[in-house]
Amino acid sequence: MKKYFIQTFWCAMNLADSEKINMILTQSGFLKVSNWKSADLVIFNTCSVRQKWEDRVFWLIDDIVKNSKNTNFPIIWITWCMVRKTGMGDKYLEEKKERERARKIELLKGENGIFNNDDKLFPRIKELDFTLRVEELNYLPFLLTHIFWERIWQEHKFDDFLKMKQLRDNPALASVIIQTWCDNYCTYCIVPYTRGREFSRPKDDIISDCKEVVKNWAKEITLIGQNVNSYWKQFIDKGLWNEEKSKWNENIWKSPFRELLDEINKIELLDRIRFTSSNPHDMTLDILDAHFELDKMCNYLHFALQSGNDEILKKMNRKHTYEDFKNQVQYLRNKDPYFAISTDIIVWFSGETDEMFLDTLKAFEELEFDFAYIARYSVRPWTIASKIYPDDVPDAVKAERWHKLNNALMQSLTKRNKLMIGREEELLIYGEKDRQFFGRTRNFKEVFVDSIQNTEHKIWDIVKVKITKLDRWVLKWEII
């Protein structure tokens, strides 16, 4: 039995795509292993949002080259954001052809299109065996047959990778993709150039997937997309939706995404619904209210602020102001003080002055985030920012601002967690490590419980717990 190792970088969408890869390879007779040294096939499901993630892939491949024996060198496959075109290394091609390297997404027109080495990664990584975009996963068995020189079985059942099933690592948790890619074109973001234009799946397909994962023991579903609250937006913009488009603070109609949430909420035996990620400028009141009106919705929301300064937000092409974001957070917290909010922040974007940065620092004090992913701005090729905005913030200033914001996050995180002391909450046990159960409350607080003294409970149980103390930012609970 051939073995494979997969490493997934960064986002929830990539994690869901890796589950599809797991399913196809398992059905094709491969065994998943936890270390590349015992693998015949090594897969990197990559992210290009930050330069450091791309650099990490190159470093890991160098590590494989340095530590592999010549007789046991694995096949290397790179997929997703770093890949523009599916192809194979020179050693698998019958003849080499000089051609322009692929600089934009180019999908295959058929199986014969696989026999190329056009992607820009091949001249940079001579050990790279093949690239394959996830949209073209249906070609994977065909490609592996040529790589390994033996028949790799897997019928070509789906041309649409979104219909491919996912092999979940944790049966209690399921990620269901409802929408792909993005049309926002934030000036710093490479996603539209690496993944493509926004596309929403039919509602019936999503509902069917949700029912199937619940039938197979899932208790919590996370709906995945680059911008889920714009679900079906392209049809509204084209006039194919009958209702009038709503502003976020006018409850005129139910948005397509809210209608989807209503339908999923009806599924029996499902306990929790979450979604990620959201964009403030597409947020509608009915989506915010869903957290309180639907019994299976969790009181947690992740959506990206990126900066607390309106001038920087405009340069980022974010289409919302700080006041827009603040109003939405306050609306949720006024209804539920324990409602958890996490966000994304970019520090030292082009032209960010000390005064502009202080606006972001002030946002942390005002909004008291439960968590934040803080990234140092990294210039990405092909983005608008790379063409029109200089990377003009000195490295020393970049580091200083990142540390200040991280310290502010630790203060707000600790303050928010202290609110939980003495509360009783439902905990879904995700797993066990070092003699402790770990899981999350409905408001996404990670909790650790002694498993030795609670042997009557098991992973995937939903148990009633009470917080006992806060160890720095880690919550400790007792099972009631």
Protein backbone atom coordinates (compact mmCIF):
# COMPACT_ATOMS: atom_id res chain seq x y z
CA MET A 1 0.00 0.00 0.00
CA LYS A 2 1.38 3.39 -1.00
CA LYS A 3 1.55 6.05 1.71
CA TYR A 4 1.04 9.80 1.56
CA PHE A 5 1.70 12.78 3.80
CA ILE A 6 -0.18 16.06 3.44
CA GLN A 7 0.62 19.46 4.98
CA THR A 8 -2.06 22.15 4.79
CA PHE A 9 -1.33 25.84 5.14
CA TRP A 10 -3.42 28.61 6.63
CA CYS A 11 -7.15 28.76 5.84
CA ALA A 12 -10.33 26.80 6.51
CA MET A 13 -10.93 26.48 2.77
CA ASN A 14 -7.59 24.72 2.33
CA LEU A 15 -8.42 22.37 5.21
CA ALA A 16 -11.70 21.43 3.52
CA ASP A 17 -9.90 20.88 0.21
CA SER A 18 -7.37 18.63 1.94
CA GLU A 19 -10.26 16.50 3.19
CA LYS A 20 -11.30 16.01 -0.44
CA ILE A 21 -7.75 14.96 -1.30
CA ASN A 22 -7.81 12.53 1.65
CA MET A 23 -10.99 10.94 0.33
CA ILE A 24 -9.72 10.46 -3.23
CA LEU A 25 -6.36 9.03 -2.14
CA THR A 26 -7.94 6.71 0.43
CA GLN A 27 -10.39 5.41 -2.18
CA SER A 28 -7.44 4.94 -4.52
CA GLY A 29 -5.65 2.68 -2.04
CA PHE A 30 -3.27 5.14 -0.35
CA LEU A 31 -2.61 5.23 3.41
CA LYS A 32 -2.22 8.56 5.20
CA VAL A 33 0.87 8.89 7.44
CA SER A 34 1.97 11.59 9.87
CA ASN A 35 5.56 12.02 8.69
CA TRP A 36 6.93 12.65 5.21
CA LYS A 37 9.88 10.30 5.82
CA SER A 38 7.63 7.25 5.50
CA ALA A 39 5.58 8.61 2.59
CA ASP A 40 5.70 7.75 -1.11
CA LEU A 41 3.77 10.92 -1.94
CA VAL A 42 4.21 14.29 -0.17
CA ILE A 43 1.53 16.94 -0.71
CA PHE A 44 1.73 20.64 0.09
CA ASN A 45 -1.67 22.37 0.03
CA THR A 46 -0.30 25.88 -0.17
CA CYS A 47 -1.25 29.47 0.65
CA SER A 48 0.05 32.59 -1.08
CA VAL A 49 -1.61 35.20 1.11
CA ARG A 50 1.69 35.70 2.98
CA GLN A 51 5.19 35.40 1.55
CA LYS A 52 6.29 33.47 4.64
CA TRP A 53 3.93 30.60 3.76
CA GLU A 54 5.46 30.28 0.31
CA ASP A 55 8.95 30.44 1.80
CA ARG A 56 7.95 27.71 4.25
CA VAL A 57 7.10 25.37 1.35
CA PHE A 58 10.47 25.94 -0.31
CA TRP A 59 12.21 25.35 3.04
CA LEU A 60 10.34 22.08 3.62
CA ILE A 61 11.20 20.78 0.16
CA ASP A 62 14.86 21.64 0.76
CA ASP A 63 14.62 19.69 4.01
CA ILE A 64 13.24 16.67 2.16
CA VAL A 65 16.07 16.89 -0.38
CA LYS A 66 18.72 17.08 2.33
CA ASN A 67 17.32 14.26 4.46
CA SER A 68 16.05 11.76 1.89
CA LYS A 69 17.96 8.73 0.73
CA ASN A 70 18.32 8.57 -3.04
CA THR A 71 16.54 5.22 -3.10
CA ASN A 72 13.54 6.48 -1.13
CA PHE A 73 12.82 9.98 -2.43
CA PRO A 74 9.08 10.76 -2.31
CA ILE A 75 6.93 12.13 -5.10
CA ILE A 76 6.28 15.82 -4.39
CA TRP A 77 2.97 17.46 -5.29
CA ILE A 78 2.18 21.15 -4.79
CA THR A 79 -1.43 22.30 -5.01
CA TRP A 80 -3.59 25.34 -4.56
CA CYS A 81 -2.55 28.98 -4.22
CA MET A 82 1.06 28.66 -5.36
CA VAL A 83 -0.02 26.78 -8.49
CA ARG A 84 -1.25 28.45 -11.69
CA LYS A 85 -1.45 25.40 -13.91
CA THR A 86 -1.57 21.63 -13.51
CA GLY A 87 1.50 19.93 -14.98
CA MET A 88 4.37 17.45 -14.58
CA GLY A 89 8.12 17.69 -14.11
CA ASP A 90 10.53 17.40 -17.04
CA LYS A 91 11.38 13.78 -16.26
CA TYR A 92 7.78 12.73 -16.98
CA LEU A 93 7.52 14.51 -20.31
CA GLU A 94 8.50 12.85 -23.55
CA GLU A 95 10.02 16.03 -24.86
CA LYS A 96 10.81 19.47 -23.47
CA LYS A 97 9.19 22.49 -25.05
CA GLU A 98 10.21 26.07 -24.60
CA ARG A 99 7.17 28.18 -23.84
CA GLU A 100 6.10 31.12 -21.73
CA ARG A 101 5.67 30.11 -18.10
CA ALA A 102 2.10 30.28 -16.79
CA ARG A 103 1.48 33.58 -14.98
CA LYS A 104 -2.28 33.31 -14.56
CA ILE A 105 -4.73 30.55 -13.77
CA GLU A 106 -5.04 28.20 -16.74
CA LEU A 107 -7.29 25.15 -16.40
CA LEU A 108 -6.90 21.95 -18.40
CA LYS A 109 -9.06 21.20 -21.43
CA GLY A 110 -8.54 17.45 -21.15
CA GLU A 111 -6.24 14.67 -19.93
CA ASN A 112 -3.61 15.37 -22.60
CA GLY A 113 -3.19 18.86 -21.15
CA ILE A 114 -1.49 17.34 -18.10
CA PHE A 115 1.69 16.75 -20.09
CA ASN A 116 3.25 20.17 -19.64
CA ASN A 117 5.67 21.88 -17.28
CA ASP A 118 4.42 25.42 -17.75
CA ASP A 119 3.94 26.39 -14.12
CA LYS A 120 6.51 28.82 -12.74
CA LEU A 121 7.30 26.45 -9.85
CA PHE A 122 9.06 23.84 -12.03
CA PRO A 123 12.19 25.87 -12.86
CA ARG A 124 12.45 26.94 -9.22
CA ILE A 125 12.05 23.44 -7.66
CA LYS A 126 13.82 20.80 -9.73
CA GLU A 127 12.60 18.03 -7.38
CA LEU A 128 8.93 18.95 -7.96
CA ASP A 129 7.08 16.03 -9.57
CA PHE A 130 3.75 17.64 -10.38
CA THR A 131 1.36 20.50 -9.76
CA LEU A 132 -2.40 20.06 -9.64
CA ARG A 133 -5.07 22.63 -8.96
CA VAL A 134 -7.82 21.41 -6.64
CA GLU A 135 -10.50 22.26 -9.21
CA GLU A 136 -8.96 19.50 -11.31
CA LEU A 137 -8.79 16.78 -8.66
CA ASN A 138 -10.72 14.46 -10.95
CA TYR A 139 -7.46 14.13 -12.94
CA LEU A 140 -5.48 12.98 -9.88
CA PRO A 141 -5.75 9.17 -10.40
CA PHE A 142 -4.89 9.55 -14.10
CA LEU A 143 -1.87 11.68 -13.22
CA LEU A 144 -0.68 9.34 -10.44
CA THR A 145 -0.90 6.40 -12.84
CA HIS A 146 1.72 8.09 -15.02
CA ILE A 147 3.83 9.17 -12.05
CA PHE A 148 4.00 5.74 -10.38
CA TRP A 149 3.85 3.70 -13.61
CA GLU A 150 1.04 1.53 -12.32
CA ARG A 151 -2.72 1.66 -12.39
CA ILE A 152 -4.14 3.93 -9.69
CA TRP A 153 -7.84 3.12 -9.44
CA GLN A 154 -10.48 5.77 -8.99
CA GLU A 155 -13.40 6.19 -11.34
CA HIS A 156 -13.88 9.67 -12.83
CA LYS A 157 -17.14 10.19 -11.01
CA PHE A 158 -17.15 13.96 -10.67
CA ASP A 159 -15.97 16.71 -12.98
CA ASP A 160 -16.95 19.25 -10.31
CA PHE A 161 -14.52 19.13 -7.41
CA LEU A 162 -17.11 20.82 -5.17
CA LYS A 163 -19.19 17.63 -5.34
CA MET A 164 -16.32 15.44 -4.17
CA LYS A 165 -16.76 14.07 -0.67
CA GLN A 166 -14.42 14.92 2.19
CA LEU A 167 -12.71 12.44 4.51
CA ARG A 168 -12.97 14.16 7.89
CA ASP A 169 -10.28 13.76 10.52
CA ASN A 170 -12.86 14.38 13.26
CA PRO A 171 -16.30 12.83 12.58
CA ALA A 172 -17.99 15.26 14.98
CA LEU A 173 -16.86 18.30 12.98
CA ALA A 174 -17.61 19.02 9.34
CA SER A 175 -16.62 21.81 6.97
CA VAL A 176 -19.02 22.31 4.08
CA ILE A 177 -17.94 24.55 1.21
CA ILE A 178 -20.78 26.83 0.10
CA GLN A 179 -18.86 29.28 -2.06
CA THR A 180 -15.46 29.57 -3.68
CA TRP A 181 -13.02 32.32 -4.45
CA CYS A 182 -13.61 36.08 -4.21
CA ASP A 183 -14.63 39.16 -6.21
CA ASN A 184 -13.61 41.86 -3.74
CA TYR A 185 -10.10 42.56 -5.08
CA CYS A 186 -8.68 44.02 -1.89
CA THR A 187 -5.51 45.70 -3.07
CA TYR A 188 -3.21 43.58 -0.88
CA CYS A 189 -4.85 40.19 -1.57
CA ILE A 190 -3.71 37.54 -4.02
CA VAL A 191 -6.76 35.24 -3.65
CA PRO A 192 -8.62 36.40 -6.82
CA TYR A 193 -5.43 35.78 -8.81
CA THR A 194 -4.68 32.34 -7.37
CA ARG A 195 -8.18 30.92 -6.94
CA GLY A 196 -10.45 32.82 -9.32
CA ARG A 197 -13.77 34.65 -9.37
CA GLU A 198 -16.50 34.17 -6.78
CA PHE A 199 -18.93 31.29 -7.31
CA SER A 200 -21.75 30.07 -5.05
CA ARG A 201 -22.93 26.47 -4.95
CA PRO A 202 -26.63 25.63 -5.42
CA LYS A 203 -28.51 25.58 -2.13
CA ASP A 204 -29.86 22.06 -2.65
CA ASP A 205 -26.32 20.66 -3.06
CA ILE A 206 -25.24 22.33 0.19
CA ILE A 207 -28.27 21.09 2.14
CA SER A 208 -27.65 17.58 0.81
CA ASP A 209 -24.00 17.69 1.96
CA CYS A 210 -25.04 18.97 5.40
CA LYS A 211 -27.60 16.18 5.86
CA GLU A 212 -25.05 13.58 4.80
CA VAL A 213 -22.36 14.69 7.28
CA VAL A 214 -24.93 14.76 10.10
CA LYS A 215 -26.00 11.26 9.12
CA ASN A 216 -22.32 10.34 9.53
CA TRP A 217 -22.13 11.68 13.11
CA ALA A 218 -21.24 15.36 12.59
CA LYS A 219 -22.56 17.52 15.43
CA GLU A 220 -21.02 20.80 14.31
CA ILE A 221 -20.97 22.21 10.77
CA THR A 222 -18.84 25.14 9.64
CA LEU A 223 -19.91 26.71 6.36
CA ILE A 224 -16.80 27.68 4.38
CA GLY A 225 -16.17 30.40 1.81
CA GLN A 226 -13.91 33.36 1.16
CA ASN A 227 -16.85 35.67 1.86
CA VAL A 228 -19.87 33.60 2.89
CA ASN A 229 -22.26 36.46 3.56
CA SER A 230 -22.12 37.38 -0.13
CA TYR A 231 -23.43 33.89 -0.94
CA TRP A 232 -25.37 34.05 -4.22
CA LYS A 233 -24.51 37.74 -4.54
CA GLN A 234 -23.45 37.38 -8.17
CA PHE A 235 -27.02 36.40 -9.04
CA ILE A 236 -28.44 39.42 -7.20
CA ASP A 237 -26.05 41.74 -9.05
CA LYS A 238 -27.11 40.20 -12.36
CA GLY A 239 -30.78 40.75 -11.56
CA LEU A 240 -31.52 37.04 -11.11
CA TRP A 241 -32.76 37.48 -7.53
CA ASN A 242 -36.26 38.90 -7.05
CA GLU A 243 -35.76 40.83 -3.83
CA GLU A 244 -34.39 44.32 -3.32
CA LYS A 245 -30.79 44.42 -2.07
CA SER A 246 -30.69 45.37 1.61
CA LYS A 247 -28.47 47.62 3.64
CA TRP A 248 -27.11 45.93 6.75
CA ASN A 249 -29.25 48.00 9.14
CA GLU A 250 -32.56 47.69 7.27
CA ASN A 251 -34.41 44.43 7.79
CA ILE A 252 -36.19 44.55 4.43
CA TRP A 253 -35.74 40.98 3.29
CA LYS A 254 -33.96 37.71 3.93
CA SER A 255 -30.64 37.47 2.19
CA PRO A 256 -29.79 34.26 0.28
CA PHE A 257 -27.26 33.35 2.97
CA ARG A 258 -29.84 33.77 5.74
CA GLU A 259 -32.26 31.56 3.81
CA LEU A 260 -29.51 28.92 3.62
CA LEU A 261 -28.89 29.19 7.37
CA ASP A 262 -32.64 28.77 8.02
CA GLU A 263 -32.70 25.54 6.01
CA ILE A 264 -29.61 24.06 7.66
CA ASN A 265 -31.02 24.93 11.08
CA LYS A 266 -33.93 22.53 10.38
CA ILE A 267 -31.63 19.48 10.09
CA GLU A 268 -32.35 17.04 12.91
CA LEU A 269 -29.52 15.87 15.21
CA LEU A 270 -27.29 18.78 14.19
CA ASP A 271 -26.24 20.75 17.26
CA ARG A 272 -24.12 23.67 16.03
CA ILE A 273 -23.70 25.91 12.98
CA ARG A 274 -20.75 28.21 12.38
CA PHE A 275 -19.50 30.03 9.29
CA THR A 276 -16.30 31.67 8.09
CA SER A 277 -15.23 34.02 6.69
CA SER A 278 -17.36 37.17 6.46
CA ASN A 279 -16.92 40.63 5.03
CA PRO A 280 -18.33 43.68 6.89
CA HIS A 281 -19.55 45.49 3.78
CA ASP A 282 -21.73 42.51 2.79
CA MET A 283 -23.13 41.94 6.28
CA THR A 284 -26.91 42.25 6.59
CA LEU A 285 -29.02 42.53 9.70
CA ASP A 286 -30.78 39.24 9.08
CA ILE A 287 -27.42 37.42 9.12
CA LEU A 288 -26.46 39.05 12.43
CA ASP A 289 -29.89 38.22 13.87
CA ALA A 290 -29.54 34.59 12.79
CA HIS A 291 -27.14 34.12 15.71
CA PHE A 292 -30.01 34.82 18.11
CA GLU A 293 -33.06 33.60 16.15
CA LEU A 294 -31.77 30.17 15.09
CA ASP A 295 -31.23 27.74 17.97
CA LYS A 296 -28.30 25.93 16.32
CA MET A 297 -26.31 29.05 15.45
CA CYS A 298 -23.33 29.71 17.71
CA ASN A 299 -22.69 33.06 19.37
CA TYR A 300 -19.37 33.61 17.59
CA LEU A 301 -18.40 35.50 14.45
CA HIS A 302 -15.12 35.91 12.59
CA PHE A 303 -14.94 38.84 10.20
CA ALA A 304 -12.04 40.96 9.08
CA LEU A 305 -11.46 44.57 10.13
CA GLN A 306 -7.88 44.72 8.71
CA SER A 307 -7.30 48.30 9.96
CA GLY A 308 -8.89 50.79 12.33
CA ASN A 309 -8.04 53.71 10.06
CA ASP A 310 -10.47 54.68 7.29
CA GLU A 311 -7.78 56.05 4.97
CA ILE A 312 -5.89 52.76 5.10
CA LEU A 313 -9.13 50.81 4.61
CA LYS A 314 -9.82 52.85 1.48
CA LYS A 315 -6.32 52.14 0.14
CA MET A 316 -6.97 48.47 0.85
CA ASN A 317 -10.25 48.69 -1.13
CA ARG A 318 -12.10 47.26 1.85
CA LYS A 319 -15.46 49.04 1.16
CA HIS A 320 -16.27 49.49 4.86
CA THR A 321 -15.29 52.05 7.48
CA TYR A 322 -14.24 51.46 11.04
CA GLU A 323 -17.61 52.85 12.16
CA ASP A 324 -19.42 50.25 10.00
CA PHE A 325 -17.47 47.46 11.67
CA LYS A 326 -17.87 48.92 15.15
CA ASN A 327 -21.66 49.21 14.75
CA GLN A 328 -21.94 45.54 13.85
CA VAL A 329 -19.82 44.42 16.80
CA GLN A 330 -21.79 46.59 19.21
CA TYR A 331 -25.08 45.26 17.83
CA LEU A 332 -24.01 41.68 18.60
CA ARG A 333 -22.52 42.47 22.00
CA ASN A 334 -25.59 44.50 23.08
CA LYS A 335 -27.71 41.41 22.49
CA ASP A 336 -25.19 39.07 24.14
CA PRO A 337 -22.21 40.41 26.16
CA TYR A 338 -20.53 36.99 25.83
CA PHE A 339 -20.72 37.00 22.03
CA ALA A 340 -17.19 36.25 20.79
CA ILE A 341 -15.62 38.24 17.95
CA SER A 342 -12.39 37.42 16.16
CA THR A 343 -10.86 39.33 13.28
CA ASP A 344 -7.95 39.75 10.86
CA ILE A 345 -5.55 42.69 11.04
CA ILE A 346 -2.75 43.82 8.73
CA VAL A 347 -0.13 46.06 10.31
CA TRP A 348 2.17 48.50 8.49
CA PHE A 349 0.28 48.53 5.18
CA SER A 350 1.78 50.95 2.67
CA GLY A 351 1.70 54.53 3.94
CA GLU A 352 0.54 53.64 7.45
CA THR A 353 1.74 56.41 9.78
CA ASP A 354 2.06 56.21 13.56
CA GLU A 355 -1.23 58.10 13.88
CA MET A 356 -3.00 55.66 11.55
CA PHE A 357 -1.63 52.72 13.51
CA LEU A 358 -2.93 54.23 16.76
CA ASP A 359 -6.45 54.02 15.27
CA THR A 360 -6.04 50.25 15.00
CA LEU A 361 -4.67 50.08 18.54
CA LYS A 362 -7.70 52.09 19.69
CA ALA A 363 -9.99 49.61 17.92
CA PHE A 364 -8.58 46.79 20.06
CA GLU A 365 -9.35 48.80 23.19
CA GLU A 366 -12.87 49.70 22.09
CA LEU A 367 -13.99 46.38 20.62
CA GLU A 368 -12.15 43.94 22.92
CA PHE A 369 -11.60 41.16 20.43
CA ASP A 370 -11.70 37.57 21.66
CA PHE A 371 -8.98 36.75 19.17
CA ALA A 372 -7.23 38.32 16.18
CA TYR A 373 -4.95 37.04 13.43
CA ILE A 374 -2.34 39.79 13.15
CA ALA A 375 -0.25 39.74 9.97
CA ARG A 376 2.64 41.93 8.93
CA TYR A 377 1.95 43.27 5.45
CA SER A 378 3.66 41.25 2.77
CA VAL A 379 3.76 42.46 -0.85
CA ARG A 380 2.26 39.81 -3.15
CA PRO A 381 2.91 39.73 -6.91
CA TRP A 382 0.05 40.63 -9.31
CA THR A 383 -1.93 42.44 -6.61
CA ILE A 384 -2.97 46.06 -7.11
CA ALA A 385 -0.91 47.15 -4.10
CA SER A 386 2.26 45.64 -5.57
CA LYS A 387 1.84 47.90 -8.60
CA ILE A 388 0.79 51.22 -7.09
CA TYR A 389 1.80 51.29 -3.40
CA PRO A 390 5.41 51.19 -2.15
CA ASP A 391 6.37 48.97 0.78
CA ASP A 392 7.57 52.02 2.70
CA VAL A 393 7.38 51.11 6.40
CA PRO A 394 10.82 50.31 7.90
CA ASP A 395 11.34 46.79 9.29
CA ALA A 396 12.02 48.07 12.81
CA VAL A 397 8.70 49.96 12.81
CA LYS A 398 6.90 46.90 11.46
CA ALA A 399 8.15 44.75 14.32
CA GLU A 400 7.34 47.39 16.94
CA ARG A 401 3.74 47.81 15.73
CA TRP A 402 3.15 44.06 15.54
CA HIS A 403 4.30 43.58 19.16
CA LYS A 404 2.18 46.49 20.40
CA LEU A 405 -0.91 45.07 18.74
CA ASN A 406 -0.16 41.57 19.99
CA ASN A 407 0.14 42.89 23.55
CA ALA A 408 -3.20 44.68 23.15
CA LEU A 409 -4.73 41.41 21.95
CA MET A 410 -3.47 39.53 25.00
CA GLN A 411 -5.06 42.15 27.26
CA SER A 412 -8.44 42.01 25.55
CA LEU A 413 -8.33 38.21 25.26
CA THR A 414 -7.62 37.87 29.00
CA LYS A 415 -10.35 40.35 29.87
CA ARG A 416 -12.90 38.57 27.71
CA ASN A 417 -11.97 35.16 29.11
CA LYS A 418 -12.33 36.42 32.69
CA LEU A 419 -15.98 37.12 31.90
CA MET A 420 -16.46 33.37 31.53
CA ILE A 421 -15.37 32.52 35.10
CA GLY A 422 -18.24 30.88 36.96
CA ARG A 423 -20.39 30.39 33.84
CA GLU A 424 -21.97 27.10 32.84
CA GLU A 425 -21.55 26.24 29.16
CA GLU A 426 -22.01 23.34 26.76
CA LEU A 427 -18.69 21.91 25.60
CA LEU A 428 -18.29 19.78 22.49
CA ILE A 429 -15.26 17.55 23.14
CA TYR A 430 -13.04 17.69 20.04
CA GLY A 431 -10.27 15.40 21.23
CA GLU A 432 -7.87 14.33 24.00
CA LYS A 433 -4.23 15.28 24.63
CA ASP A 434 -1.96 14.92 27.65
CA ARG A 435 -4.77 13.39 29.75
CA GLN A 436 -7.06 16.30 29.04
CA PHE A 437 -10.18 16.60 26.95
CA PHE A 438 -10.25 19.73 24.81
CA GLY A 439 -13.08 21.33 22.90
CA ARG A 440 -14.97 24.55 22.37
CA THR A 441 -17.99 26.24 23.83
CA ARG A 442 -20.69 27.65 21.59
CA ASN A 443 -18.91 31.02 21.68
CA PHE A 444 -15.72 29.33 20.47
CA LYS A 445 -13.76 29.42 23.71
CA GLU A 446 -11.22 26.60 23.81
CA VAL A 447 -11.56 24.63 27.03
CA PHE A 448 -9.46 21.94 28.75
CA VAL A 449 -10.95 19.35 31.12
CA ASP A 450 -9.23 16.56 33.07
CA SER A 451 -10.08 13.33 31.20
CA ILE A 452 -8.73 10.97 33.88
CA GLN A 453 -11.41 12.00 36.38
CA ASN A 454 -14.17 11.98 33.77
CA THR A 455 -13.83 8.53 32.24
CA GLU A 456 -17.59 8.20 31.63
CA HIS A 457 -17.28 10.82 28.88
CA LYS A 458 -15.66 10.43 25.49
CA ILE A 459 -14.55 12.42 22.45
CA TRP A 460 -17.48 13.97 20.51
CA ASP A 461 -19.70 14.13 23.61
CA ILE A 462 -21.47 17.38 24.42
CA VAL A 463 -21.17 17.97 28.16
CA LYS A 464 -22.20 20.65 30.61
CA VAL A 465 -19.17 22.36 32.16
CA LYS A 466 -18.41 25.17 34.58
CA ILE A 467 -15.30 27.33 34.39
CA THR A 468 -13.06 27.15 37.45
CA LYS A 469 -10.05 29.32 36.61
CA LEU A 470 -8.07 31.11 33.96
CA ASP A 471 -4.48 29.99 33.40
CA ARG A 472 -3.11 32.95 31.42
CA TRP A 473 -5.53 32.78 28.47
CA VAL A 474 -6.41 29.07 28.79
CA LEU A 475 -9.77 28.22 30.39
CA LYS A 476 -10.02 25.34 32.87
CA TRP A 477 -13.39 23.76 33.53
CA GLU A 478 -15.15 21.10 35.58
CA ILE A 479 -17.75 18.79 34.10
CA ILE A 480 -21.09 19.17 35.85
